[in-house]
Each structure stands twice: as structure tokens, then as C-alpha cells.
Amino acid sequence: MPQIAQLAATYSSQVFWLLVTFGFVFFVVGLGMLPKVQSTVDAREKKVGGDLAAAKASFAQADELEETWRARENESRAEAQAIVAEAKAKATQATEAQLADADRVIADKIAAAEAAVAKARNSAMAEIEAVAADAATEMAKRVAGTKVTAKAASAAVKAAMTHG
């Protein structure tokens, strides 16, 4: 085959042009494009690293702010509970004082009412005794035809009411 016979004659020139082409490509790509690509990758890594560091710092700051906020919230809650407890205590004292005053007023009214009832009962009992004594005198006069003195009738009614 004639192609194989020519191979030995053209082999050295093909190898030469292959080395020249690859050398040219190596220098153009390796020395021209690769540093630009590498600088772009380095800049990107630096930016991503800076962004990650900034994000971590922001998260740390946010956590610190949240912790500060929670501490203030807990303090405020404790203060509010203390104020509520104090208000409840004052309200309880005021209510107890009002209840004590109301109890005194009611006790005075009850005592006055009991005294009035006792006076009315004593007055009613005296009237009942007087009416009963008059009735006993009249009944003795009509039934037995005897005259009983008012003093004797009153004594008899008192004795009957005491035992009765």
C-alpha cells in the first residue's frame, strides 16, 4: 500500500506540526486564558467566602439581638407580673377594708334592728298581757259571775304565759 510507504516520509513533518500546534494551543490557553479563568475563580471564591463570613456574622449578630430582646422581654414580663401582683394586693386590701366597713355598718344595722325587734316584742307582749288580763276579767265576770281584780288577772296571765 502506497499510504503506508509514505508514512515514513511524512511522519517527521506531521510530528513537527503536531508539536507546533499543541505548543501554540498550550501557550495561548495556558498563558493567555488560564490566568484569566484562574483569577475569575479566585475572585469568585473570595467573594463567596466573604459573603459566607458576612452571613455568619449577621446570624451571630441576629442571635445576639434575639438573646438581648428575649432578656428584655423576660424583664418586662417580670415587671408586669410584679405590677399586677401589687395591684392585686392593693385591690385586695381595699376590698377587705370596704368589706370591713360594710360589715361594721351591717352589724350596727342588725344590732339596731334586733333592739327594735326586742322593743317591739316587749311592747307586744305587754299589750298581749293587758288584753289577756282584760279578757280574763271579762270572762270570769260573764262565766263565773265573779269580779276579778285587774291585778289578779294580770298575775294569772303572766303565770300562764311563763309556763305556757
N, C-alpha and C. Protein backbone atom coordinates (compact mmCIF):
# COMPACT_ATOMS: atom_id res chain seq x y z
N MET A 1 0.84 -1.16 0.00
CA MET A 1 0.00 0.00 0.00
C MET A 1 0.89 1.24 0.00
N PRO A 2 0.50 2.13 -0.89
CA PRO A 2 1.36 3.28 -1.03
C PRO A 2 1.23 4.24 0.17
N GLN A 3 0.10 4.27 0.90
CA GLN A 3 -0.07 5.20 2.01
C GLN A 3 0.89 4.84 3.14
N ILE A 4 1.11 3.59 3.35
CA ILE A 4 1.98 3.16 4.42
C ILE A 4 3.41 3.51 4.07
N ALA A 5 3.75 3.40 2.81
CA ALA A 5 5.10 3.72 2.38
C ALA A 5 5.36 5.22 2.56
N GLN A 6 4.35 6.06 2.38
CA GLN A 6 4.54 7.49 2.52
C GLN A 6 4.60 7.91 3.99
N LEU A 7 4.13 7.10 4.83
CA LEU A 7 4.04 7.43 6.24
C LEU A 7 5.42 7.72 6.81
N ALA A 8 6.39 6.97 6.43
CA ALA A 8 7.72 7.18 6.96
C ALA A 8 8.28 8.49 6.47
N ALA A 9 7.95 8.90 5.26
CA ALA A 9 8.49 10.13 4.72
C ALA A 9 7.81 11.35 5.34
N THR A 10 6.52 11.28 5.66
CA THR A 10 5.79 12.44 6.18
C THR A 10 5.66 12.42 7.71
N TYR A 11 6.15 11.38 8.32
CA TYR A 11 5.96 11.21 9.76
C TYR A 11 6.65 12.32 10.54
N SER A 12 7.83 12.64 10.20
CA SER A 12 8.55 13.64 10.96
C SER A 12 7.94 15.02 10.79
N SER A 13 7.46 15.36 9.60
CA SER A 13 6.85 16.66 9.40
C SER A 13 5.51 16.73 10.14
N GLN A 14 4.74 15.66 10.19
CA GLN A 14 3.45 15.65 10.91
C GLN A 14 3.69 15.80 12.42
N VAL A 15 4.70 15.14 12.91
CA VAL A 15 5.01 15.24 14.34
C VAL A 15 5.43 16.67 14.64
N PHE A 16 6.24 17.29 13.76
CA PHE A 16 6.67 18.66 13.97
C PHE A 16 5.47 19.60 14.05
N TRP A 17 4.56 19.51 13.08
CA TRP A 17 3.40 20.40 13.07
C TRP A 17 2.44 20.08 14.23
N LEU A 18 2.41 18.85 14.63
CA LEU A 18 1.59 18.48 15.81
C LEU A 18 2.16 19.16 17.04
N LEU A 19 3.47 19.13 17.23
CA LEU A 19 4.10 19.77 18.39
C LEU A 19 3.95 21.28 18.32
N VAL A 20 4.08 21.87 17.14
CA VAL A 20 3.91 23.31 16.99
C VAL A 20 2.47 23.71 17.34
N THR A 21 1.50 22.95 16.86
CA THR A 21 0.08 23.27 17.13
C THR A 21 -0.24 23.12 18.62
N PHE A 22 0.20 22.01 19.19
CA PHE A 22 -0.07 21.82 20.61
C PHE A 22 0.68 22.83 21.46
N GLY A 23 1.87 23.18 21.06
CA GLY A 23 2.63 24.20 21.77
C GLY A 23 1.93 25.54 21.70
N PHE A 24 1.44 25.90 20.49
CA PHE A 24 0.72 27.15 20.32
C PHE A 24 -0.54 27.15 21.18
N VAL A 25 -1.28 26.06 21.14
CA VAL A 25 -2.51 25.95 21.94
C VAL A 25 -2.16 26.02 23.42
N PHE A 26 -1.07 25.36 23.84
CA PHE A 26 -0.67 25.37 25.25
C PHE A 26 -0.35 26.78 25.70
N PHE A 27 0.44 27.51 24.89
CA PHE A 27 0.82 28.86 25.29
C PHE A 27 -0.37 29.82 25.25
N VAL A 28 -1.22 29.69 24.25
CA VAL A 28 -2.38 30.58 24.17
C VAL A 28 -3.34 30.30 25.31
N VAL A 29 -3.67 29.01 25.49
CA VAL A 29 -4.63 28.66 26.54
C VAL A 29 -3.96 28.77 27.91
N GLY A 30 -2.80 28.18 28.05
CA GLY A 30 -2.14 28.12 29.35
C GLY A 30 -1.68 29.47 29.85
N LEU A 31 -1.12 30.29 28.96
CA LEU A 31 -0.59 31.56 29.42
C LEU A 31 -1.56 32.72 29.20
N GLY A 32 -2.49 32.57 28.28
CA GLY A 32 -3.41 33.67 27.99
C GLY A 32 -4.74 33.54 28.69
N MET A 33 -5.36 32.41 28.53
CA MET A 33 -6.72 32.25 29.05
C MET A 33 -6.74 31.71 30.46
N LEU A 34 -5.87 30.81 30.80
CA LEU A 34 -5.89 30.16 32.11
C LEU A 34 -5.70 31.15 33.25
N PRO A 35 -4.78 32.10 33.19
CA PRO A 35 -4.68 33.06 34.29
C PRO A 35 -5.95 33.89 34.47
N LYS A 36 -6.62 34.23 33.36
CA LYS A 36 -7.87 34.99 33.48
C LYS A 36 -8.96 34.14 34.15
N VAL A 37 -9.04 32.90 33.72
CA VAL A 37 -10.04 32.00 34.32
C VAL A 37 -9.70 31.77 35.78
N GLN A 38 -8.42 31.56 36.08
CA GLN A 38 -8.00 31.31 37.45
C GLN A 38 -8.28 32.53 38.33
N SER A 39 -8.01 33.73 37.82
CA SER A 39 -8.29 34.95 38.60
C SER A 39 -9.79 35.11 38.83
N THR A 40 -10.59 34.74 37.84
CA THR A 40 -12.05 34.80 38.00
C THR A 40 -12.51 33.81 39.06
N VAL A 41 -11.96 32.59 39.04
CA VAL A 41 -12.32 31.57 40.04
C VAL A 41 -11.88 32.04 41.42
N ASP A 42 -10.64 32.59 41.52
CA ASP A 42 -10.17 33.07 42.82
C ASP A 42 -11.04 34.21 43.34
N ALA A 43 -11.41 35.14 42.45
CA ALA A 43 -12.27 36.25 42.85
C ALA A 43 -13.63 35.74 43.31
N ARG A 44 -14.14 34.75 42.61
CA ARG A 44 -15.44 34.18 42.98
C ARG A 44 -15.35 33.49 44.34
N GLU A 45 -14.30 32.72 44.55
CA GLU A 45 -14.13 32.05 45.84
C GLU A 45 -13.99 33.07 46.96
N LYS A 46 -13.23 34.14 46.68
CA LYS A 46 -13.05 35.18 47.68
C LYS A 46 -14.39 35.85 48.00
N LYS A 47 -15.19 36.16 46.97
CA LYS A 47 -16.49 36.79 47.18
C LYS A 47 -17.44 35.87 47.94
N VAL A 48 -17.46 34.59 47.55
CA VAL A 48 -18.33 33.62 48.24
C VAL A 48 -17.89 33.48 49.69
N GLY A 49 -16.58 33.40 49.91
CA GLY A 49 -16.07 33.30 51.28
C GLY A 49 -16.43 34.53 52.09
N GLY A 50 -16.29 35.72 51.48
CA GLY A 50 -16.67 36.95 52.17
C GLY A 50 -18.16 37.00 52.47
N ASP A 51 -18.95 36.56 51.51
CA ASP A 51 -20.41 36.55 51.72
C ASP A 51 -20.78 35.56 52.83
N LEU A 52 -20.13 34.40 52.84
CA LEU A 52 -20.40 33.42 53.90
C LEU A 52 -19.99 33.97 55.26
N ALA A 53 -18.83 34.63 55.31
CA ALA A 53 -18.39 35.22 56.58
C ALA A 53 -19.36 36.31 57.02
N ALA A 54 -19.82 37.14 56.08
CA ALA A 54 -20.78 38.19 56.41
C ALA A 54 -22.10 37.58 56.88
N ALA A 55 -22.51 36.48 56.24
CA ALA A 55 -23.76 35.81 56.65
C ALA A 55 -23.62 35.24 58.05
N LYS A 56 -22.46 34.61 58.34
CA LYS A 56 -22.25 34.07 59.69
C LYS A 56 -22.23 35.18 60.72
N ALA A 57 -21.58 36.30 60.38
CA ALA A 57 -21.55 37.44 61.30
C ALA A 57 -22.97 37.98 61.51
N SER A 58 -23.74 38.05 60.43
CA SER A 58 -25.13 38.53 60.55
C SER A 58 -25.96 37.59 61.41
N PHE A 59 -25.78 36.29 61.22
CA PHE A 59 -26.50 35.32 62.04
C PHE A 59 -26.10 35.45 63.50
N ALA A 60 -24.80 35.62 63.75
CA ALA A 60 -24.34 35.78 65.13
C ALA A 60 -24.92 37.05 65.75
N GLN A 61 -24.93 38.13 64.97
CA GLN A 61 -25.48 39.38 65.46
C GLN A 61 -26.99 39.24 65.69
N ALA A 62 -27.66 38.55 64.78
CA ALA A 62 -29.11 38.34 64.95
C ALA A 62 -29.38 37.50 66.19
N ASP A 63 -28.56 36.47 66.42
CA ASP A 63 -28.73 35.65 67.62
C ASP A 63 -28.50 36.48 68.88
N GLU A 64 -27.50 37.34 68.84
CA GLU A 64 -27.21 38.20 69.98
C GLU A 64 -28.36 39.18 70.23
N LEU A 65 -28.87 39.76 69.14
CA LEU A 65 -30.01 40.68 69.28
C LEU A 65 -31.24 39.95 69.82
N GLU A 66 -31.45 38.74 69.33
CA GLU A 66 -32.60 37.97 69.81
C GLU A 66 -32.44 37.65 71.29
N GLU A 67 -31.24 37.29 71.69
CA GLU A 67 -30.99 36.99 73.10
C GLU A 67 -31.22 38.23 73.96
N THR A 68 -30.74 39.38 73.48
CA THR A 68 -30.96 40.64 74.20
C THR A 68 -32.44 40.95 74.27
N TRP A 69 -33.13 40.77 73.15
CA TRP A 69 -34.57 41.03 73.12
C TRP A 69 -35.31 40.11 74.09
N ARG A 70 -34.93 38.83 74.08
CA ARG A 70 -35.61 37.88 75.00
C ARG A 70 -35.35 38.26 76.45
N ALA A 71 -34.11 38.68 76.75
CA ALA A 71 -33.81 39.10 78.12
C ALA A 71 -34.67 40.30 78.52
N ARG A 72 -34.77 41.29 77.61
CA ARG A 72 -35.62 42.45 77.89
C ARG A 72 -37.08 42.04 78.03
N GLU A 73 -37.51 41.13 77.18
CA GLU A 73 -38.91 40.67 77.24
C GLU A 73 -39.18 39.98 78.57
N ASN A 74 -38.23 39.14 79.01
CA ASN A 74 -38.40 38.46 80.30
C ASN A 74 -38.41 39.46 81.45
N GLU A 75 -37.53 40.48 81.38
CA GLU A 75 -37.53 41.51 82.42
C GLU A 75 -38.86 42.27 82.42
N SER A 76 -39.33 42.61 81.23
CA SER A 76 -40.61 43.33 81.13
C SER A 76 -41.76 42.48 81.65
N ARG A 77 -41.72 41.19 81.32
CA ARG A 77 -42.77 40.29 81.80
C ARG A 77 -42.74 40.21 83.32
N ALA A 78 -41.52 40.11 83.89
CA ALA A 78 -41.39 40.04 85.34
C ALA A 78 -41.89 41.33 85.99
N GLU A 79 -41.54 42.48 85.40
CA GLU A 79 -42.01 43.76 85.92
C GLU A 79 -43.53 43.84 85.85
N ALA A 80 -44.09 43.40 84.72
CA ALA A 80 -45.55 43.44 84.57
C ALA A 80 -46.22 42.54 85.59
N GLN A 81 -45.65 41.37 85.82
CA GLN A 81 -46.24 40.47 86.82
C GLN A 81 -46.14 41.06 88.22
N ALA A 82 -45.02 41.75 88.50
CA ALA A 82 -44.89 42.40 89.80
C ALA A 82 -45.92 43.51 89.96
N ILE A 83 -46.13 44.28 88.89
CA ILE A 83 -47.13 45.35 88.94
C ILE A 83 -48.53 44.77 89.13
N VAL A 84 -48.82 43.68 88.41
CA VAL A 84 -50.13 43.04 88.54
C VAL A 84 -50.31 42.51 89.96
N ALA A 85 -49.26 41.88 90.51
CA ALA A 85 -49.35 41.34 91.87
C ALA A 85 -49.57 42.47 92.88
N GLU A 86 -48.85 43.58 92.67
CA GLU A 86 -49.01 44.73 93.56
C GLU A 86 -50.42 45.30 93.46
N ALA A 87 -50.91 45.40 92.22
CA ALA A 87 -52.28 45.92 92.03
C ALA A 87 -53.31 44.98 92.66
N LYS A 88 -53.07 43.67 92.52
CA LYS A 88 -53.99 42.72 93.15
C LYS A 88 -53.96 42.87 94.67
N ALA A 89 -52.76 43.02 95.23
CA ALA A 89 -52.64 43.17 96.68
C ALA A 89 -53.35 44.43 97.14
N LYS A 90 -53.13 45.56 96.41
CA LYS A 90 -53.81 46.80 96.78
C LYS A 90 -55.33 46.65 96.66
N ALA A 91 -55.76 46.01 95.57
CA ALA A 91 -57.20 45.82 95.38
C ALA A 91 -57.77 44.94 96.48
N THR A 92 -57.01 43.91 96.87
CA THR A 92 -57.47 43.02 97.95
C THR A 92 -57.57 43.79 99.26
N GLN A 93 -56.56 44.62 99.56
CA GLN A 93 -56.60 45.41 100.79
C GLN A 93 -57.78 46.39 100.75
N ALA A 94 -57.96 47.04 99.62
CA ALA A 94 -59.07 48.00 99.51
C ALA A 94 -60.41 47.28 99.66
N THR A 95 -60.51 46.11 99.02
CA THR A 95 -61.75 45.34 99.11
C THR A 95 -62.00 44.87 100.55
N GLU A 96 -60.92 44.42 101.20
CA GLU A 96 -61.08 43.98 102.60
C GLU A 96 -61.48 45.14 103.50
N ALA A 97 -60.91 46.32 103.26
CA ALA A 97 -61.28 47.49 104.05
C ALA A 97 -62.74 47.85 103.82
N GLN A 98 -63.16 47.81 102.54
CA GLN A 98 -64.57 48.11 102.24
C GLN A 98 -65.49 47.07 102.87
N LEU A 99 -65.06 45.80 102.80
CA LEU A 99 -65.88 44.75 103.41
C LEU A 99 -65.97 44.93 104.93
N ALA A 100 -64.83 45.31 105.55
CA ALA A 100 -64.85 45.54 107.00
C ALA A 100 -65.78 46.69 107.34
N ASP A 101 -65.70 47.77 106.56
CA ASP A 101 -66.61 48.91 106.79
C ASP A 101 -68.06 48.48 106.60
N ALA A 102 -68.31 47.73 105.52
CA ALA A 102 -69.67 47.26 105.25
C ALA A 102 -70.14 46.33 106.36
N ASP A 103 -69.24 45.46 106.86
CA ASP A 103 -69.61 44.57 107.96
C ASP A 103 -69.97 45.36 109.22
N ARG A 104 -69.19 46.42 109.50
CA ARG A 104 -69.50 47.25 110.68
C ARG A 104 -70.86 47.92 110.52
N VAL A 105 -71.09 48.47 109.32
CA VAL A 105 -72.37 49.14 109.08
C VAL A 105 -73.52 48.14 109.21
N ILE A 106 -73.33 46.97 108.61
CA ILE A 106 -74.38 45.94 108.67
C ILE A 106 -74.58 45.47 110.11
N ALA A 107 -73.48 45.29 110.85
CA ALA A 107 -73.59 44.84 112.26
C ALA A 107 -74.33 45.90 113.08
N ASP A 108 -74.02 47.18 112.82
CA ASP A 108 -74.74 48.25 113.53
C ASP A 108 -76.23 48.22 113.19
N LYS A 109 -76.52 48.04 111.91
CA LYS A 109 -77.94 47.99 111.49
C LYS A 109 -78.63 46.78 112.09
N ILE A 110 -77.92 45.62 112.11
CA ILE A 110 -78.52 44.41 112.69
C ILE A 110 -78.78 44.62 114.18
N ALA A 111 -77.81 45.22 114.87
CA ALA A 111 -78.00 45.46 116.30
C ALA A 111 -79.17 46.40 116.54
N ALA A 112 -79.25 47.45 115.71
CA ALA A 112 -80.37 48.38 115.86
C ALA A 112 -81.69 47.68 115.56
N ALA A 113 -81.69 46.83 114.50
CA ALA A 113 -82.92 46.10 114.16
C ALA A 113 -83.29 45.11 115.26
N GLU A 114 -82.28 44.41 115.82
CA GLU A 114 -82.58 43.46 116.91
C GLU A 114 -83.12 44.20 118.13
N ALA A 115 -82.56 45.38 118.42
CA ALA A 115 -83.07 46.17 119.55
C ALA A 115 -84.50 46.61 119.27
N ALA A 116 -84.77 47.03 118.04
CA ALA A 116 -86.12 47.45 117.69
C ALA A 116 -87.09 46.28 117.77
N VAL A 117 -86.64 45.10 117.31
CA VAL A 117 -87.50 43.91 117.37
C VAL A 117 -87.76 43.54 118.83
N ALA A 118 -86.69 43.59 119.65
CA ALA A 118 -86.87 43.25 121.07
C ALA A 118 -87.83 44.24 121.74
N LYS A 119 -87.67 45.52 121.41
CA LYS A 119 -88.56 46.53 121.99
C LYS A 119 -89.99 46.30 121.53
N ALA A 120 -90.14 45.99 120.20
CA ALA A 120 -91.48 45.75 119.67
C ALA A 120 -92.08 44.49 120.30
N ARG A 121 -91.23 43.44 120.49
CA ARG A 121 -91.72 42.21 121.10
C ARG A 121 -92.15 42.46 122.54
N ASN A 122 -91.34 43.20 123.29
CA ASN A 122 -91.70 43.51 124.68
C ASN A 122 -92.98 44.33 124.73
N SER A 123 -93.08 45.29 123.80
CA SER A 123 -94.28 46.11 123.76
C SER A 123 -95.51 45.25 123.41
N ALA A 124 -95.30 44.35 122.42
CA ALA A 124 -96.41 43.47 122.02
C ALA A 124 -96.80 42.54 123.15
N MET A 125 -95.78 42.00 123.83
CA MET A 125 -96.08 41.11 124.95
C MET A 125 -96.86 41.84 126.06
N ALA A 126 -96.46 43.09 126.30
CA ALA A 126 -97.17 43.88 127.32
C ALA A 126 -98.61 44.12 126.90
N GLU A 127 -98.80 44.40 125.60
CA GLU A 127 -100.16 44.61 125.12
C GLU A 127 -100.97 43.33 125.19
N ILE A 128 -100.28 42.21 124.80
CA ILE A 128 -100.99 40.92 124.85
C ILE A 128 -101.40 40.61 126.28
N GLU A 129 -100.49 40.86 127.23
CA GLU A 129 -100.81 40.61 128.64
C GLU A 129 -101.98 41.48 129.09
N ALA A 130 -101.95 42.74 128.66
CA ALA A 130 -103.03 43.64 129.07
C ALA A 130 -104.36 43.20 128.48
N VAL A 131 -104.32 42.82 127.18
CA VAL A 131 -105.56 42.38 126.53
C VAL A 131 -106.03 41.06 127.15
N ALA A 132 -105.07 40.15 127.41
CA ALA A 132 -105.44 38.87 128.01
C ALA A 132 -106.00 39.07 129.42
N ALA A 133 -105.42 39.99 130.17
CA ALA A 133 -105.92 40.26 131.52
C ALA A 133 -107.33 40.83 131.45
N ASP A 134 -107.57 41.75 130.52
CA ASP A 134 -108.92 42.29 130.35
C ASP A 134 -109.89 41.20 129.93
N ALA A 135 -109.44 40.35 129.02
CA ALA A 135 -110.30 39.27 128.56
C ALA A 135 -110.59 38.30 129.71
N ALA A 136 -109.58 38.00 130.52
CA ALA A 136 -109.77 37.08 131.65
C ALA A 136 -110.75 37.67 132.66
N THR A 137 -110.63 38.97 132.89
CA THR A 137 -111.55 39.64 133.83
C THR A 137 -112.97 39.56 133.30
N GLU A 138 -113.15 39.84 132.02
CA GLU A 138 -114.47 39.80 131.40
C GLU A 138 -115.03 38.39 131.41
N MET A 139 -114.16 37.41 131.08
CA MET A 139 -114.65 36.02 131.03
C MET A 139 -115.04 35.52 132.42
N ALA A 140 -114.27 35.90 133.43
CA ALA A 140 -114.60 35.49 134.80
C ALA A 140 -115.91 36.13 135.23
N LYS A 141 -116.11 37.36 134.80
CA LYS A 141 -117.33 38.07 135.15
C LYS A 141 -118.52 37.44 134.45
N ARG A 142 -118.41 37.08 133.21
CA ARG A 142 -119.53 36.54 132.46
C ARG A 142 -119.76 35.06 132.76
N VAL A 143 -118.67 34.32 132.86
CA VAL A 143 -118.82 32.87 133.03
C VAL A 143 -119.13 32.55 134.50
N ALA A 144 -118.33 33.03 135.39
CA ALA A 144 -118.48 32.65 136.79
C ALA A 144 -119.32 33.67 137.56
N GLY A 145 -119.45 34.84 136.99
CA GLY A 145 -120.21 35.88 137.64
C GLY A 145 -119.44 36.50 138.79
N THR A 146 -118.15 36.30 138.85
CA THR A 146 -117.34 36.88 139.93
C THR A 146 -116.55 38.04 139.38
N LYS A 147 -116.17 38.89 140.26
CA LYS A 147 -115.40 40.04 139.85
C LYS A 147 -113.95 39.77 140.25
N VAL A 148 -113.06 39.82 139.24
CA VAL A 148 -111.63 39.58 139.46
C VAL A 148 -110.95 40.94 139.31
N THR A 149 -110.01 41.19 140.18
CA THR A 149 -109.32 42.47 140.09
C THR A 149 -108.36 42.43 138.91
N ALA A 150 -108.01 43.60 138.40
CA ALA A 150 -107.10 43.70 137.25
C ALA A 150 -105.72 43.18 137.63
N LYS A 151 -105.33 43.42 138.91
CA LYS A 151 -104.02 42.96 139.37
C LYS A 151 -103.98 41.44 139.42
N ALA A 152 -105.01 40.79 139.87
CA ALA A 152 -105.07 39.32 139.96
C ALA A 152 -105.13 38.72 138.57
N ALA A 153 -105.91 39.34 137.68
CA ALA A 153 -105.99 38.84 136.30
C ALA A 153 -104.65 38.95 135.62
N SER A 154 -103.97 40.06 135.81
CA SER A 154 -102.65 40.26 135.20
C SER A 154 -101.65 39.25 135.73
N ALA A 155 -101.68 38.95 137.00
CA ALA A 155 -100.78 37.94 137.60
C ALA A 155 -101.07 36.56 137.05
N ALA A 156 -102.34 36.23 136.87
CA ALA A 156 -102.72 34.93 136.33
C ALA A 156 -102.27 34.80 134.89
N VAL A 157 -102.41 35.86 134.08
CA VAL A 157 -101.99 35.83 132.67
C VAL A 157 -100.47 35.68 132.58
N LYS A 158 -99.74 36.40 133.46
CA LYS A 158 -98.26 36.29 133.46
C LYS A 158 -97.85 34.88 133.82
N ALA A 159 -98.48 34.31 134.77
CA ALA A 159 -98.13 32.94 135.19
C ALA A 159 -98.45 31.97 134.07
N ALA A 160 -99.55 32.15 133.40
CA ALA A 160 -99.92 31.25 132.30
C ALA A 160 -98.97 31.40 131.11
N MET A 161 -98.54 32.61 130.83
CA MET A 161 -97.63 32.84 129.69
C MET A 161 -96.23 32.34 129.99
N THR A 162 -95.83 32.37 131.24
CA THR A 162 -94.50 31.92 131.62
C THR A 162 -94.43 30.38 131.52
N HIS A 163 -95.46 29.68 131.89
CA HIS A 163 -95.48 28.22 131.86
C HIS A 163 -95.88 27.69 130.51
N GLY A 164 -96.55 28.50 129.76
CA GLY A 164 -97.19 28.05 128.56
C GLY A 164 -96.43 27.90 127.36
